[in-house]
Amino acid sequence: MANFRPVSNFTFLSKVVERVVAQQLNDYLTALNLLPRCQSAYRRHHSTDTAMVLVLSDALTAADTRHVTLLGLLDMSAAFDCADGDALDTTATTREELWNIRSCLQWMTSFLTDRTQQVTYNGTLSKMQRLLYGVPQGSVLGPLLFNLYMADISTIV
């Protein structure tokens, strides 16, 4: 099934603010080693290659010690569309204790909530739709927000 979610159009000033916030937040999270070790997507010096090397290394280490290796894979093809903006807010107490970034979390929550979209097709403008979920596609901050949203998955799994 194709995904026809529109790319968000952001103003120049919005992109500048997002870039500054993303850089500072990323530096903070990296310096304190707060991002999950296994999270490779949307991180500097991480890629699918580093993820595959880690998985292969873990599997070979397990085989050397005669342990069984199980691999669970998740389909994340539409994951940006499913991220819940309220999730940052509901876990803010736990995350602020860990990350000590309350004002930043409040700003990100406001960035993700109460958004709307409208589409023009063949000169016809659609009705305004409220977006309940999802990280804005085309935003500078979107990938980092998605990583924060997914940060707890490694402890859950």
C-alpha atoms as a PDB file:
ATOM      1  CA  MET A   1       0.000   0.000   0.000  1.00  0.00           C
ATOM      2  CA  ALA A   2       1.440   3.366  -1.005  1.00  0.00           C
ATOM      3  CA  ASN A   3       1.854   6.137   1.525  1.00  0.00           C
ATOM      4  CA  PHE A   4       0.580   9.478   0.251  1.00  0.00           C
ATOM      5  CA  ARG A   5       1.255  11.505   3.374  1.00  0.00           C
ATOM      6  CA  PRO A   6       2.245  15.009   2.293  1.00  0.00           C
ATOM      7  CA  VAL A   7       5.623  16.527   3.009  1.00  0.00           C
ATOM      8  CA  SER A   8       5.291  19.472   5.368  1.00  0.00           C
ATOM      9  CA  ASN A   9       6.239  22.911   4.120  1.00  0.00           C
ATOM     10  CA  PHE A  10       8.128  24.814   6.780  1.00  0.00           C
ATOM     11  CA  THR A  11       9.256  28.409   6.735  1.00  0.00           C
ATOM     12  CA  PHE A  12      12.949  29.244   6.581  1.00  0.00           C
ATOM     13  CA  LEU A  13      12.885  30.525  10.156  1.00  0.00           C
ATOM     14  CA  SER A  14      11.239  27.298  11.358  1.00  0.00           C
ATOM     15  CA  LYS A  15      13.983  25.216   9.705  1.00  0.00           C
ATOM     16  CA  VAL A  16      16.699  27.376  11.294  1.00  0.00           C
ATOM     17  CA  VAL A  17      15.144  27.001  14.764  1.00  0.00           C
ATOM     18  CA  GLU A  18      14.705  23.250  14.224  1.00  0.00           C
ATOM     19  CA  ARG A  19      18.320  22.879  13.116  1.00  0.00           C
ATOM     20  CA  VAL A  20      19.610  24.725  16.216  1.00  0.00           C
ATOM     21  CA  VAL A  21      17.390  22.679  18.555  1.00  0.00           C
ATOM     22  CA  ALA A  22      18.301  19.409  16.826  1.00  0.00           C
ATOM     23  CA  GLN A  23      22.035  20.149  17.007  1.00  0.00           C
ATOM     24  CA  GLN A  24      21.974  21.135  20.679  1.00  0.00           C
ATOM     25  CA  LEU A  25      19.724  18.249  21.700  1.00  0.00           C
ATOM     26  CA  ASN A  26      21.739  15.734  19.696  1.00  0.00           C
ATOM     27  CA  ASP A  27      25.005  17.000  21.218  1.00  0.00           C
ATOM     28  CA  TYR A  28      23.476  16.746  24.713  1.00  0.00           C
ATOM     29  CA  LEU A  29      22.113  13.228  24.199  1.00  0.00           C
ATOM     30  CA  THR A  30      25.354  12.039  22.603  1.00  0.00           C
ATOM     31  CA  ALA A  31      27.598  13.587  25.272  1.00  0.00           C
ATOM     32  CA  LEU A  32      25.629  11.864  28.043  1.00  0.00           C
ATOM     33  CA  ASN A  33      25.311   8.638  26.023  1.00  0.00           C
ATOM     34  CA  LEU A  34      21.508   8.705  26.366  1.00  0.00           C
ATOM     35  CA  LEU A  35      20.545   7.382  22.944  1.00  0.00           C
ATOM     36  CA  PRO A  36      20.104   3.606  22.716  1.00  0.00           C
ATOM     37  CA  ARG A  37      23.264   1.751  21.727  1.00  0.00           C
ATOM     38  CA  CYS A  38      21.428  -0.251  19.081  1.00  0.00           C
ATOM     39  CA  GLN A  39      19.736   2.749  17.440  1.00  0.00           C
ATOM     40  CA  SER A  40      21.482   3.338  14.118  1.00  0.00           C
ATOM     41  CA  ALA A  41      18.904   5.246  12.085  1.00  0.00           C
ATOM     42  CA  TYR A  42      19.233   9.019  11.802  1.00  0.00           C
ATOM     43  CA  ARG A  43      22.424   9.220  13.835  1.00  0.00           C
ATOM     44  CA  ARG A  44      25.792  10.595  12.831  1.00  0.00           C
ATOM     45  CA  HIS A  45      28.400   7.858  12.229  1.00  0.00           C
ATOM     46  CA  HIS A  46      25.700   5.159  12.303  1.00  0.00           C
ATOM     47  CA  SER A  47      24.136   3.437   9.328  1.00  0.00           C
ATOM     48  CA  THR A  48      22.602   0.201   8.149  1.00  0.00           C
ATOM     49  CA  ASP A  49      26.190  -1.051   7.816  1.00  0.00           C
ATOM     50  CA  THR A  50      26.926  -0.438  11.503  1.00  0.00           C
ATOM     51  CA  ALA A  51      23.615  -2.054  12.455  1.00  0.00           C
ATOM     52  CA  MET A  52      24.379  -5.144  10.371  1.00  0.00           C
ATOM     53  CA  VAL A  53      27.912  -5.415  11.777  1.00  0.00           C
ATOM     54  CA  LEU A  54      26.499  -5.266  15.321  1.00  0.00           C
ATOM     55  CA  VAL A  55      23.870  -7.939  14.602  1.00  0.00           C
ATOM     56  CA  LEU A  56      26.410 -10.209  12.888  1.00  0.00           C
ATOM     57  CA  SER A  57      28.931  -9.715  15.681  1.00  0.00           C
ATOM     58  CA  ASP A  58      26.349 -10.564  18.342  1.00  0.00           C
ATOM     59  CA  ALA A  59      25.213 -13.660  16.409  1.00  0.00           C
ATOM     60  CA  LEU A  60      28.780 -14.898  15.922  1.00  0.00           C
ATOM     61  CA  THR A  61      29.633 -14.276  19.577  1.00  0.00           C
ATOM     62  CA  ALA A  62      26.546 -16.259  20.599  1.00  0.00           C
ATOM     63  CA  ALA A  63      27.444 -19.096  18.204  1.00  0.00           C
ATOM     64  CA  ASP A  64      30.998 -19.231  19.604  1.00  0.00           C
ATOM     65  CA  THR A  65      29.576 -19.795  23.091  1.00  0.00           C
ATOM     66  CA  ARG A  66      26.982 -22.305  21.783  1.00  0.00           C
ATOM     67  CA  HIS A  67      24.015 -20.017  22.468  1.00  0.00           C
ATOM     68  CA  VAL A  68      20.953 -19.736  20.253  1.00  0.00           C
ATOM     69  CA  THR A  69      20.394 -16.498  18.353  1.00  0.00           C
ATOM     70  CA  LEU A  70      16.884 -15.220  17.737  1.00  0.00           C
ATOM     71  CA  LEU A  71      16.269 -12.171  15.585  1.00  0.00           C
ATOM     72  CA  GLY A  72      13.026 -10.225  15.827  1.00  0.00           C
ATOM     73  CA  LEU A  73      12.418  -7.736  13.037  1.00  0.00           C
ATOM     74  CA  LEU A  74       9.916  -4.888  13.033  1.00  0.00           C
ATOM     75  CA  ASP A  75       8.442  -3.317   9.902  1.00  0.00           C
ATOM     76  CA  MET A  76       9.086   0.383  10.414  1.00  0.00           C
ATOM     77  CA  SER A  77       8.060   1.505   6.912  1.00  0.00           C
ATOM     78  CA  ALA A  78       5.310   3.839   8.169  1.00  0.00           C
ATOM     79  CA  ALA A  79       6.704   4.439  11.637  1.00  0.00           C
ATOM     80  CA  PHE A  80       6.985   8.221  11.245  1.00  0.00           C
ATOM     81  CA  ASP A  81       3.222   8.295  10.655  1.00  0.00           C
ATOM     82  CA  CYS A  82       2.519   6.419  13.903  1.00  0.00           C
ATOM     83  CA  ALA A  83       4.621   8.400  16.373  1.00  0.00           C
ATOM     84  CA  ASP A  84       2.366   9.852  19.050  1.00  0.00           C
ATOM     85  CA  GLY A  85       3.232  13.426  20.003  1.00  0.00           C
ATOM     86  CA  ASP A  86       1.589  12.930  23.387  1.00  0.00           C
ATOM     87  CA  ALA A  87       4.046  10.116  24.152  1.00  0.00           C
ATOM     88  CA  LEU A  88       6.831  12.631  24.734  1.00  0.00           C
ATOM     89  CA  ASP A  89       4.560  14.508  27.104  1.00  0.00           C
ATOM     90  CA  THR A  90       3.251  11.459  28.992  1.00  0.00           C
ATOM     91  CA  THR A  91       6.737  10.113  29.647  1.00  0.00           C
ATOM     92  CA  ALA A  92       8.191  13.565  30.270  1.00  0.00           C
ATOM     93  CA  THR A  93       8.570  13.016  34.017  1.00  0.00           C
ATOM     94  CA  THR A  94      10.639   9.870  33.529  1.00  0.00           C
ATOM     95  CA  ARG A  95      12.636  11.333  30.669  1.00  0.00           C
ATOM     96  CA  GLU A  96      13.306  14.662  32.378  1.00  0.00           C
ATOM     97  CA  GLU A  97      14.754  12.845  35.357  1.00  0.00           C
ATOM     98  CA  LEU A  98      16.973  10.974  32.937  1.00  0.00           C
ATOM     99  CA  TRP A  99      17.689  13.740  30.469  1.00  0.00           C
ATOM    100  CA  ASN A 100      16.970  16.913  32.483  1.00  0.00           C
ATOM    101  CA  ILE A 101      15.451  18.682  29.475  1.00  0.00           C
ATOM    102  CA  ARG A 102      11.930  19.644  30.563  1.00  0.00           C
ATOM    103  CA  SER A 103      11.601  22.862  28.559  1.00  0.00           C
ATOM    104  CA  CYS A 104      12.902  21.175  25.433  1.00  0.00           C
ATOM    105  CA  LEU A 105      10.402  18.302  25.830  1.00  0.00           C
ATOM    106  CA  GLN A 106       7.574  20.813  26.300  1.00  0.00           C
ATOM    107  CA  TRP A 107       8.624  22.633  23.121  1.00  0.00           C
ATOM    108  CA  MET A 108       8.826  19.356  21.171  1.00  0.00           C
ATOM    109  CA  THR A 109       5.414  18.281  22.431  1.00  0.00           C
ATOM    110  CA  SER A 110       3.927  21.575  21.243  1.00  0.00           C
ATOM    111  CA  PHE A 111       5.759  21.108  17.919  1.00  0.00           C
ATOM    112  CA  LEU A 112       4.080  17.716  17.433  1.00  0.00           C
ATOM    113  CA  THR A 113       0.551  18.424  18.695  1.00  0.00           C
ATOM    114  CA  ASP A 114      -2.378  20.385  17.276  1.00  0.00           C
ATOM    115  CA  ARG A 115      -1.126  20.136  13.700  1.00  0.00           C
ATOM    116  CA  THR A 116      -3.362  20.180  10.646  1.00  0.00           C
ATOM    117  CA  GLN A 117      -2.921  19.392   6.992  1.00  0.00           C
ATOM    118  CA  GLN A 118      -4.600  20.415   3.779  1.00  0.00           C
ATOM    119  CA  VAL A 119      -3.884  19.138   0.282  1.00  0.00           C
ATOM    120  CA  THR A 120      -4.333  20.716  -3.142  1.00  0.00           C
ATOM    121  CA  TYR A 121      -4.980  18.324  -6.017  1.00  0.00           C
ATOM    122  CA  ASN A 122      -5.868  19.441  -9.527  1.00  0.00           C
ATOM    123  CA  GLY A 123      -6.573  22.937  -8.231  1.00  0.00           C
ATOM    124  CA  THR A 124      -9.028  21.693  -5.587  1.00  0.00           C
ATOM    125  CA  LEU A 125      -8.276  22.330  -1.931  1.00  0.00           C
ATOM    126  CA  SER A 126      -9.227  19.612   0.550  1.00  0.00           C
ATOM    127  CA  LYS A 127     -10.829  20.197   3.929  1.00  0.00           C
ATOM    128  CA  MET A 128      -8.476  20.907   6.806  1.00  0.00           C
ATOM    129  CA  GLN A 129      -7.616  17.651   8.607  1.00  0.00           C
ATOM    130  CA  ARG A 130      -6.298  17.451  12.163  1.00  0.00           C
ATOM    131  CA  LEU A 131      -3.216  15.222  12.487  1.00  0.00           C
ATOM    132  CA  LEU A 132      -3.374  13.029  15.560  1.00  0.00           C
ATOM    133  CA  TYR A 133      -0.124  11.136  15.029  1.00  0.00           C
ATOM    134  CA  GLY A 134       3.123  11.354  13.162  1.00  0.00           C
ATOM    135  CA  VAL A 135       6.320  13.309  12.997  1.00  0.00           C
ATOM    136  CA  PRO A 136       6.282  16.082  10.371  1.00  0.00           C
ATOM    137  CA  GLN A 137       7.778  14.657   7.204  1.00  0.00           C
ATOM    138  CA  GLY A 138      10.306  17.063   5.761  1.00  0.00           C
ATOM    139  CA  SER A 139      11.207  18.659   9.077  1.00  0.00           C
ATOM    140  CA  VAL A 140      14.797  18.943  10.278  1.00  0.00           C
ATOM    141  CA  LEU A 141      13.890  17.801  13.775  1.00  0.00           C
ATOM    142  CA  GLY A 142      11.642  14.891  12.692  1.00  0.00           C
ATOM    143  CA  PRO A 143      14.270  12.120  12.655  1.00  0.00           C
ATOM    144  CA  LEU A 144      15.623  13.053  16.105  1.00  0.00           C
ATOM    145  CA  LEU A 145      12.100  13.236  17.538  1.00  0.00           C
ATOM    146  CA  PHE A 146      11.408   9.819  16.068  1.00  0.00           C
ATOM    147  CA  ASN A 147      14.560   8.455  17.747  1.00  0.00           C
ATOM    148  CA  LEU A 148      13.401   9.911  21.072  1.00  0.00           C
ATOM    149  CA  TYR A 149       9.973   8.382  20.545  1.00  0.00           C
ATOM    150  CA  MET A 150      11.554   4.980  19.840  1.00  0.00           C
ATOM    151  CA  ALA A 151      14.265   5.222  22.547  1.00  0.00           C
ATOM    152  CA  ASP A 152      12.443   2.982  25.006  1.00  0.00           C
ATOM    153  CA  ILE A 153      11.842   0.142  22.546  1.00  0.00           C
ATOM    154  CA  SER A 154      15.198  -1.503  23.283  1.00  0.00           C
ATOM    155  CA  THR A 155      14.353  -1.776  26.980  1.00  0.00           C
ATOM    156  CA  ILE A 156      10.873  -3.101  26.184  1.00  0.00           C
ATOM    157  CA  VAL A 157      12.116  -5.725  23.734  1.00  0.00           C
END
